[in-house]
Amino acid sequence: MQDFCRLKVWERCHALTLEVYTVTQGFSREEMFGLTSQMRRSAASIPTNIAEGCACDTDTQFAHFVMIALGSASEPEYQILLAHDL
């Protein structure tokens, strides 16, 4: 078990999540339950999965959650592109 707050990758993912929340504050109210909500949840899932993996007993379990976090990172990447195009 390790302290996720000490991981640089977690710090960067947390900063991304904070930035997504800041940027989406400027989205229209009609997007509150659409793209805004989805972007916030998907961004937050990245550091959340890293934190969950840090609570695991083995490196294999930790790696599993890191892979989930990596997959989750694709979601806000696309959503940012979509928001830009909209």
PDB file of N, CA and C in Angstrom:
ATOM      1  N   MET A   1       0.860  -1.183   0.000  1.00  0.00           N
ATOM      2  CA  MET A   1       0.000   0.000   0.000  1.00  0.00           C
ATOM      3  C   MET A   1       0.899   1.236   0.000  1.00  0.00           C
ATOM      4  N   GLN A   2       0.567   2.184  -0.858  1.00  0.00           N
ATOM      5  CA  GLN A   2       1.366   3.391  -0.950  1.00  0.00           C
ATOM      6  C   GLN A   2       0.484   4.636  -0.922  1.00  0.00           C
ATOM      7  N   ASP A   3       1.082   5.750  -0.597  1.00  0.00           N
ATOM      8  CA  ASP A   3       0.360   7.015  -0.523  1.00  0.00           C
ATOM      9  C   ASP A   3       0.248   7.606  -1.927  1.00  0.00           C
ATOM     10  N   PHE A   4      -0.961   7.591  -2.484  1.00  0.00           N
ATOM     11  CA  PHE A   4      -1.156   8.066  -3.852  1.00  0.00           C
ATOM     12  C   PHE A   4      -0.797   9.531  -4.022  1.00  0.00           C
ATOM     13  N   CYS A   5      -0.911  10.319  -2.964  1.00  0.00           N
ATOM     14  CA  CYS A   5      -0.616  11.756  -3.054  1.00  0.00           C
ATOM     15  C   CYS A   5       0.862  12.023  -3.360  1.00  0.00           C
ATOM     16  N   ARG A   6       1.700  11.037  -3.149  1.00  0.00           N
ATOM     17  CA  ARG A   6       3.129  11.204  -3.413  1.00  0.00           C
ATOM     18  C   ARG A   6       3.508  10.874  -4.857  1.00  0.00           C
ATOM     19  N   LEU A   7       2.575  10.341  -5.615  1.00  0.00           N
ATOM     20  CA  LEU A   7       2.862   9.963  -6.996  1.00  0.00           C
ATOM     21  C   LEU A   7       2.701  11.162  -7.924  1.00  0.00           C
ATOM     22  N   LYS A   8       3.724  11.426  -8.733  1.00  0.00           N
ATOM     23  CA  LYS A   8       3.677  12.548  -9.683  1.00  0.00           C
ATOM     24  C   LYS A   8       2.525  12.391 -10.668  1.00  0.00           C
ATOM     25  N   VAL A   9       2.291  11.165 -11.107  1.00  0.00           N
ATOM     26  CA  VAL A   9       1.209  10.937 -12.067  1.00  0.00           C
ATOM     27  C   VAL A   9      -0.137  11.279 -11.445  1.00  0.00           C
ATOM     28  N   TRP A  10      -0.325  10.948 -10.170  1.00  0.00           N
ATOM     29  CA  TRP A  10      -1.576  11.295  -9.505  1.00  0.00           C
ATOM     30  C   TRP A  10      -1.704  12.812  -9.394  1.00  0.00           C
ATOM     31  N   GLU A  11      -0.616  13.497  -9.044  1.00  0.00           N
ATOM     32  CA  GLU A  11      -0.638  14.956  -8.927  1.00  0.00           C
ATOM     33  C   GLU A  11      -1.051  15.604 -10.252  1.00  0.00           C
ATOM     34  N   ARG A  12      -0.517  15.096 -11.351  1.00  0.00           N
ATOM     35  CA  ARG A  12      -0.834  15.667 -12.666  1.00  0.00           C
ATOM     36  C   ARG A  12      -2.283  15.385 -13.053  1.00  0.00           C
ATOM     37  N   CYS A  13      -2.755  14.196 -12.734  1.00  0.00           N
ATOM     38  CA  CYS A  13      -4.149  13.847 -13.038  1.00  0.00           C
ATOM     39  C   CYS A  13      -5.117  14.656 -12.179  1.00  0.00           C
ATOM     40  N   HIS A  14      -4.732  14.881 -10.939  1.00  0.00           N
ATOM     41  CA  HIS A  14      -5.553  15.707 -10.053  1.00  0.00           C
ATOM     42  C   HIS A  14      -5.619  17.143 -10.600  1.00  0.00           C
ATOM     43  N   ALA A  15      -4.472  17.660 -11.048  1.00  0.00           N
ATOM     44  CA  ALA A  15      -4.438  19.009 -11.624  1.00  0.00           C
ATOM     45  C   ALA A  15      -5.309  19.083 -12.881  1.00  0.00           C
ATOM     46  N   LEU A  16      -5.291  18.032 -13.701  1.00  0.00           N
ATOM     47  CA  LEU A  16      -6.154  17.990 -14.880  1.00  0.00           C
ATOM     48  C   LEU A  16      -7.620  18.053 -14.467  1.00  0.00           C
ATOM     49  N   THR A  17      -7.984  17.295 -13.459  1.00  0.00           N
ATOM     50  CA  THR A  17      -9.370  17.284 -12.980  1.00  0.00           C
ATOM     51  C   THR A  17      -9.795  18.670 -12.512  1.00  0.00           C
ATOM     52  N   LEU A  18      -8.936  19.321 -11.754  1.00  0.00           N
ATOM     53  CA  LEU A  18      -9.246  20.682 -11.293  1.00  0.00           C
ATOM     54  C   LEU A  18      -9.419  21.630 -12.471  1.00  0.00           C
ATOM     55  N   GLU A  19      -8.578  21.488 -13.491  1.00  0.00           N
ATOM     56  CA  GLU A  19      -8.671  22.339 -14.674  1.00  0.00           C
ATOM     57  C   GLU A  19      -9.959  22.074 -15.445  1.00  0.00           C
ATOM     58  N   VAL A  20     -10.354  20.812 -15.555  1.00  0.00           N
ATOM     59  CA  VAL A  20     -11.608  20.475 -16.234  1.00  0.00           C
ATOM     60  C   VAL A  20     -12.779  21.120 -15.497  1.00  0.00           C
ATOM     61  N   TYR A  21     -12.777  21.063 -14.167  1.00  0.00           N
ATOM     62  CA  TYR A  21     -13.853  21.700 -13.403  1.00  0.00           C
ATOM     63  C   TYR A  21     -13.874  23.200 -13.653  1.00  0.00           C
ATOM     64  N   THR A  22     -12.696  23.811 -13.684  1.00  0.00           N
ATOM     65  CA  THR A  22     -12.621  25.255 -13.912  1.00  0.00           C
ATOM     66  C   THR A  22     -13.139  25.625 -15.302  1.00  0.00           C
ATOM     67  N   VAL A  23     -12.678  24.917 -16.312  1.00  0.00           N
ATOM     68  CA  VAL A  23     -13.078  25.224 -17.691  1.00  0.00           C
ATOM     69  C   VAL A  23     -14.571  24.990 -17.900  1.00  0.00           C
ATOM     70  N   THR A  24     -15.103  23.914 -17.347  1.00  0.00           N
ATOM     71  CA  THR A  24     -16.514  23.592 -17.580  1.00  0.00           C
ATOM     72  C   THR A  24     -17.460  24.520 -16.829  1.00  0.00           C
ATOM     73  N   GLN A  25     -16.956  25.314 -15.904  1.00  0.00           N
ATOM     74  CA  GLN A  25     -17.806  26.316 -15.255  1.00  0.00           C
ATOM     75  C   GLN A  25     -18.320  27.321 -16.274  1.00  0.00           C
ATOM     76  N   GLY A  26     -17.570  27.495 -17.346  1.00  0.00           N
ATOM     77  CA  GLY A  26     -17.966  28.440 -18.385  1.00  0.00           C
ATOM     78  C   GLY A  26     -18.903  27.860 -19.429  1.00  0.00           C
ATOM     79  N   PHE A  27     -19.209  26.584 -19.332  1.00  0.00           N
ATOM     80  CA  PHE A  27     -20.133  25.958 -20.285  1.00  0.00           C
ATOM     81  C   PHE A  27     -21.556  26.436 -20.010  1.00  0.00           C
ATOM     82  N   SER A  28     -22.379  26.344 -21.004  1.00  0.00           N
ATOM     83  CA  SER A  28     -23.764  26.785 -20.847  1.00  0.00           C
ATOM     84  C   SER A  28     -24.508  25.918 -19.835  1.00  0.00           C
ATOM     85  N   ARG A  29     -25.522  26.486 -19.225  1.00  0.00           N
ATOM     86  CA  ARG A  29     -26.323  25.764 -18.225  1.00  0.00           C
ATOM     87  C   ARG A  29     -26.994  24.531 -18.823  1.00  0.00           C
ATOM     88  N   GLU A  30     -27.328  24.584 -20.099  1.00  0.00           N
ATOM     89  CA  GLU A  30     -27.995  23.441 -20.728  1.00  0.00           C
ATOM     90  C   GLU A  30     -27.073  22.225 -20.833  1.00  0.00           C
ATOM     91  N   GLU A  31     -25.776  22.435 -20.696  1.00  0.00           N
ATOM     92  CA  GLU A  31     -24.814  21.323 -20.729  1.00  0.00           C
ATOM     93  C   GLU A  31     -24.498  20.769 -19.344  1.00  0.00           C
ATOM     94  N   MET A  32     -25.108  21.327 -18.292  1.00  0.00           N
ATOM     95  CA  MET A  32     -24.789  20.909 -16.928  1.00  0.00           C
ATOM     96  C   MET A  32     -24.951  19.405 -16.730  1.00  0.00           C
ATOM     97  N   PHE A  33     -25.988  18.817 -17.305  1.00  0.00           N
ATOM     98  CA  PHE A  33     -26.229  17.392 -17.124  1.00  0.00           C
ATOM     99  C   PHE A  33     -25.792  16.585 -18.345  1.00  0.00           C
ATOM    100  N   GLY A  34     -25.128  17.243 -19.270  1.00  0.00           N
ATOM    101  CA  GLY A  34     -24.634  16.580 -20.467  1.00  0.00           C
ATOM    102  C   GLY A  34     -23.121  16.525 -20.451  1.00  0.00           C
ATOM    103  N   LEU A  35     -22.517  17.282 -21.343  1.00  0.00           N
ATOM    104  CA  LEU A  35     -21.080  17.249 -21.519  1.00  0.00           C
ATOM    105  C   LEU A  35     -20.315  17.705 -20.272  1.00  0.00           C
ATOM    106  N   THR A  36     -20.813  18.708 -19.586  1.00  0.00           N
ATOM    107  CA  THR A  36     -20.141  19.188 -18.375  1.00  0.00           C
ATOM    108  C   THR A  36     -20.006  18.071 -17.346  1.00  0.00           C
ATOM    109  N   SER A  37     -21.097  17.420 -17.057  1.00  0.00           N
ATOM    110  CA  SER A  37     -21.096  16.332 -16.079  1.00  0.00           C
ATOM    111  C   SER A  37     -20.195  15.183 -16.521  1.00  0.00           C
ATOM    112  N   GLN A  38     -20.293  14.814 -17.783  1.00  0.00           N
ATOM    113  CA  GLN A  38     -19.500  13.705 -18.301  1.00  0.00           C
ATOM    114  C   GLN A  38     -18.012  14.013 -18.261  1.00  0.00           C
ATOM    115  N   MET A  39     -17.634  15.231 -18.627  1.00  0.00           N
ATOM    116  CA  MET A  39     -16.223  15.615 -18.602  1.00  0.00           C
ATOM    117  C   MET A  39     -15.668  15.594 -17.186  1.00  0.00           C
ATOM    118  N   ARG A  40     -16.443  16.094 -16.255  1.00  0.00           N
ATOM    119  CA  ARG A  40     -15.991  16.124 -14.862  1.00  0.00           C
ATOM    120  C   ARG A  40     -15.835  14.714 -14.292  1.00  0.00           C
ATOM    121  N   ARG A  41     -16.819  13.863 -14.568  1.00  0.00           N
ATOM    122  CA  ARG A  41     -16.752  12.489 -14.044  1.00  0.00           C
ATOM    123  C   ARG A  41     -15.609  11.700 -14.677  1.00  0.00           C
ATOM    124  N   SER A  42     -15.415  11.858 -15.968  1.00  0.00           N
ATOM    125  CA  SER A  42     -14.357  11.093 -16.619  1.00  0.00           C
ATOM    126  C   SER A  42     -12.972  11.576 -16.187  1.00  0.00           C
ATOM    127  N   ALA A  43     -12.802  12.883 -16.029  1.00  0.00           N
ATOM    128  CA  ALA A  43     -11.519  13.403 -15.561  1.00  0.00           C
ATOM    129  C   ALA A  43     -11.231  12.934 -14.135  1.00  0.00           C
ATOM    130  N   ALA A  44     -12.230  12.979 -13.291  1.00  0.00           N
ATOM    131  CA  ALA A  44     -12.043  12.565 -11.892  1.00  0.00           C
ATOM    132  C   ALA A  44     -11.780  11.070 -11.759  1.00  0.00           C
ATOM    133  N   SER A  45     -12.228  10.282 -12.726  1.00  0.00           N
ATOM    134  CA  SER A  45     -12.025   8.835 -12.624  1.00  0.00           C
ATOM    135  C   SER A  45     -10.554   8.450 -12.787  1.00  0.00           C
ATOM    136  N   ILE A  46      -9.765   9.279 -13.436  1.00  0.00           N
ATOM    137  CA  ILE A  46      -8.350   8.954 -13.658  1.00  0.00           C
ATOM    138  C   ILE A  46      -7.585   8.929 -12.328  1.00  0.00           C
ATOM    139  N   PRO A  47      -7.533  10.043 -11.572  1.00  0.00           N
ATOM    140  CA  PRO A  47      -6.825   9.979 -10.291  1.00  0.00           C
ATOM    141  C   PRO A  47      -7.517   9.076  -9.273  1.00  0.00           C
ATOM    142  N   THR A  48      -8.829   8.917  -9.416  1.00  0.00           N
ATOM    143  CA  THR A  48      -9.557   8.029  -8.509  1.00  0.00           C
ATOM    144  C   THR A  48      -9.077   6.590  -8.670  1.00  0.00           C
ATOM    145  N   ASN A  49      -8.906   6.142  -9.902  1.00  0.00           N
ATOM    146  CA  ASN A  49      -8.426   4.780 -10.132  1.00  0.00           C
ATOM    147  C   ASN A  49      -6.988   4.598  -9.661  1.00  0.00           C
ATOM    148  N   ILE A  50      -6.165   5.600  -9.822  1.00  0.00           N
ATOM    149  CA  ILE A  50      -4.793   5.526  -9.318  1.00  0.00           C
ATOM    150  C   ILE A  50      -4.812   5.405  -7.799  1.00  0.00           C
ATOM    151  N   ALA A  51      -5.638   6.217  -7.152  1.00  0.00           N
ATOM    152  CA  ALA A  51      -5.747   6.156  -5.691  1.00  0.00           C
ATOM    153  C   ALA A  51      -6.237   4.784  -5.236  1.00  0.00           C
ATOM    154  N   GLU A  52      -7.228   4.248  -5.935  1.00  0.00           N
ATOM    155  CA  GLU A  52      -7.747   2.927  -5.578  1.00  0.00           C
ATOM    156  C   GLU A  52      -6.675   1.858  -5.750  1.00  0.00           C
ATOM    157  N   GLY A  53      -5.901   1.962  -6.806  1.00  0.00           N
ATOM    158  CA  GLY A  53      -4.824   1.004  -7.038  1.00  0.00           C
ATOM    159  C   GLY A  53      -3.766   1.045  -5.953  1.00  0.00           C
ATOM    160  N   CYS A  54      -3.536   2.218  -5.394  1.00  0.00           N
ATOM    161  CA  CYS A  54      -2.537   2.342  -4.321  1.00  0.00           C
ATOM    162  C   CYS A  54      -2.943   1.601  -3.059  1.00  0.00           C
ATOM    163  N   ALA A  55      -4.213   1.306  -2.916  1.00  0.00           N
ATOM    164  CA  ALA A  55      -4.689   0.584  -1.738  1.00  0.00           C
ATOM    165  C   ALA A  55      -4.571  -0.935  -1.906  1.00  0.00           C
ATOM    166  N   CYS A  56      -4.165  -1.378  -3.088  1.00  0.00           N
ATOM    167  CA  CYS A  56      -4.059  -2.819  -3.362  1.00  0.00           C
ATOM    168  C   CYS A  56      -2.813  -3.412  -2.708  1.00  0.00           C
ATOM    169  N   ASP A  57      -2.867  -4.713  -2.543  1.00  0.00           N
ATOM    170  CA  ASP A  57      -1.773  -5.425  -1.876  1.00  0.00           C
ATOM    171  C   ASP A  57      -0.624  -5.802  -2.807  1.00  0.00           C
ATOM    172  N   THR A  58      -0.908  -5.973  -4.089  1.00  0.00           N
ATOM    173  CA  THR A  58       0.140  -6.450  -4.992  1.00  0.00           C
ATOM    174  C   THR A  58       0.370  -5.467  -6.135  1.00  0.00           C
ATOM    175  N   ASP A  59       1.555  -5.583  -6.721  1.00  0.00           N
ATOM    176  CA  ASP A  59       1.879  -4.751  -7.876  1.00  0.00           C
ATOM    177  C   ASP A  59       0.970  -5.073  -9.060  1.00  0.00           C
ATOM    178  N   THR A  60       0.577  -6.332  -9.174  1.00  0.00           N
ATOM    179  CA  THR A  60      -0.314  -6.736 -10.260  1.00  0.00           C
ATOM    180  C   THR A  60      -1.663  -6.042 -10.140  1.00  0.00           C
ATOM    181  N   GLN A  61      -2.202  -5.977  -8.931  1.00  0.00           N
ATOM    182  CA  GLN A  61      -3.476  -5.286  -8.714  1.00  0.00           C
ATOM    183  C   GLN A  61      -3.324  -3.797  -8.984  1.00  0.00           C
ATOM    184  N   PHE A  62      -2.219  -3.227  -8.524  1.00  0.00           N
ATOM    185  CA  PHE A  62      -1.960  -1.811  -8.759  1.00  0.00           C
ATOM    186  C   PHE A  62      -1.895  -1.530 -10.264  1.00  0.00           C
ATOM    187  N   ALA A  63      -1.180  -2.380 -11.000  1.00  0.00           N
ATOM    188  CA  ALA A  63      -1.047  -2.210 -12.445  1.00  0.00           C
ATOM    189  C   ALA A  63      -2.410  -2.272 -13.127  1.00  0.00           C
ATOM    190  N   HIS A  64      -3.291  -3.122 -12.634  1.00  0.00           N
ATOM    191  CA  HIS A  64      -4.640  -3.230 -13.190  1.00  0.00           C
ATOM    192  C   HIS A  64      -5.371  -1.885 -13.109  1.00  0.00           C
ATOM    193  N   PHE A  65      -5.295  -1.239 -11.947  1.00  0.00           N
ATOM    194  CA  PHE A  65      -5.971   0.049 -11.779  1.00  0.00           C
ATOM    195  C   PHE A  65      -5.299   1.161 -12.581  1.00  0.00           C
ATOM    196  N   VAL A  66      -3.988   1.065 -12.744  1.00  0.00           N
ATOM    197  CA  VAL A  66      -3.287   2.045 -13.586  1.00  0.00           C
ATOM    198  C   VAL A  66      -3.752   1.904 -15.037  1.00  0.00           C
ATOM    199  N   MET A  67      -3.953   0.684 -15.490  1.00  0.00           N
ATOM    200  CA  MET A  67      -4.448   0.466 -16.851  1.00  0.00           C
ATOM    201  C   MET A  67      -5.878   1.005 -17.006  1.00  0.00           C
ATOM    202  N   ILE A  68      -6.682   0.838 -15.987  1.00  0.00           N
ATOM    203  CA  ILE A  68      -8.036   1.402 -16.023  1.00  0.00           C
ATOM    204  C   ILE A  68      -7.948   2.927 -16.107  1.00  0.00           C
ATOM    205  N   ALA A  69      -7.048   3.517 -15.317  1.00  0.00           N
ATOM    206  CA  ALA A  69      -6.861   4.975 -15.343  1.00  0.00           C
ATOM    207  C   ALA A  69      -6.412   5.436 -16.726  1.00  0.00           C
ATOM    208  N   LEU A  70      -5.525   4.666 -17.344  1.00  0.00           N
ATOM    209  CA  LEU A  70      -5.057   5.012 -18.690  1.00  0.00           C
ATOM    210  C   LEU A  70      -6.214   4.998 -19.679  1.00  0.00           C
ATOM    211  N   GLY A  71      -7.054   3.981 -19.587  1.00  0.00           N
ATOM    212  CA  GLY A  71      -8.232   3.933 -20.453  1.00  0.00           C
ATOM    213  C   GLY A  71      -9.175   5.092 -20.184  1.00  0.00           C
ATOM    214  N   SER A  72      -9.331   5.425 -18.904  1.00  0.00           N
ATOM    215  CA  SER A  72     -10.199   6.543 -18.539  1.00  0.00           C
ATOM    216  C   SER A  72      -9.681   7.867 -19.090  1.00  0.00           C
ATOM    217  N   ALA A  73      -8.383   7.975 -19.294  1.00  0.00           N
ATOM    218  CA  ALA A  73      -7.793   9.219 -19.799  1.00  0.00           C
ATOM    219  C   ALA A  73      -8.234   9.517 -21.229  1.00  0.00           C
ATOM    220  N   SER A  74      -8.642   8.493 -21.956  1.00  0.00           N
ATOM    221  CA  SER A  74      -9.109   8.701 -23.331  1.00  0.00           C
ATOM    222  C   SER A  74     -10.453   9.424 -23.367  1.00  0.00           C
ATOM    223  N   GLU A  75     -11.251   9.243 -22.333  1.00  0.00           N
ATOM    224  CA  GLU A  75     -12.574   9.868 -22.313  1.00  0.00           C
ATOM    225  C   GLU A  75     -12.498  11.399 -22.321  1.00  0.00           C
ATOM    226  N   PRO A  76     -11.818  12.016 -21.353  1.00  0.00           N
ATOM    227  CA  PRO A  76     -11.774  13.489 -21.398  1.00  0.00           C
ATOM    228  C   PRO A  76     -10.996  14.007 -22.603  1.00  0.00           C
ATOM    229  N   GLU A  77     -10.061  13.214 -23.100  1.00  0.00           N
ATOM    230  CA  GLU A  77      -9.340  13.643 -24.301  1.00  0.00           C
ATOM    231  C   GLU A  77     -10.325  13.867 -25.444  1.00  0.00           C
ATOM    232  N   TYR A  78     -11.206  12.908 -25.665  1.00  0.00           N
ATOM    233  CA  TYR A  78     -12.208  13.069 -26.714  1.00  0.00           C
ATOM    234  C   TYR A  78     -13.202  14.181 -26.364  1.00  0.00           C
ATOM    235  N   GLN A  79     -13.646  14.221 -25.114  1.00  0.00           N
ATOM    236  CA  GLN A  79     -14.656  15.201 -24.716  1.00  0.00           C
ATOM    237  C   GLN A  79     -14.144  16.634 -24.870  1.00  0.00           C
ATOM    238  N   ILE A  80     -12.856  16.831 -24.656  1.00  0.00           N
ATOM    239  CA  ILE A  80     -12.266  18.159 -24.863  1.00  0.00           C
ATOM    240  C   ILE A  80     -12.314  18.508 -26.346  1.00  0.00           C
ATOM    241  N   LEU A  81     -12.002  17.558 -27.199  1.00  0.00           N
ATOM    242  CA  LEU A  81     -12.099  17.782 -28.649  1.00  0.00           C
ATOM    243  C   LEU A  81     -13.548  18.108 -29.044  1.00  0.00           C
ATOM    244  N   LEU A  82     -14.487  17.362 -28.494  1.00  0.00           N
ATOM    245  CA  LEU A  82     -15.907  17.601 -28.789  1.00  0.00           C
ATOM    246  C   LEU A  82     -16.328  18.990 -28.335  1.00  0.00           C
ATOM    247  N   ALA A  83     -15.959  19.354 -27.112  1.00  0.00           N
ATOM    248  CA  ALA A  83     -16.331  20.684 -26.596  1.00  0.00           C
ATOM    249  C   ALA A  83     -15.739  21.784 -27.472  1.00  0.00           C
ATOM    250  N   HIS A  84     -14.514  21.587 -27.918  1.00  0.00           N
ATOM    251  CA  HIS A  84     -13.893  22.575 -28.796  1.00  0.00           C
ATOM    252  C   HIS A  84     -14.667  22.716 -30.102  1.00  0.00           C
ATOM    253  N   ASP A  85     -15.050  21.591 -30.685  1.00  0.00           N
ATOM    254  CA  ASP A  85     -15.773  21.620 -31.958  1.00  0.00           C
ATOM    255  C   ASP A  85     -17.189  22.168 -31.819  1.00  0.00           C
ATOM    256  N   LEU A  86     -17.799  21.956 -30.656  1.00  0.00           N
ATOM    257  CA  LEU A  86     -19.150  22.488 -30.441  1.00  0.00           C
ATOM    258  C   LEU A  86     -19.110  23.993 -30.232  1.00  0.00           C
TER     259      LEU A  86
END
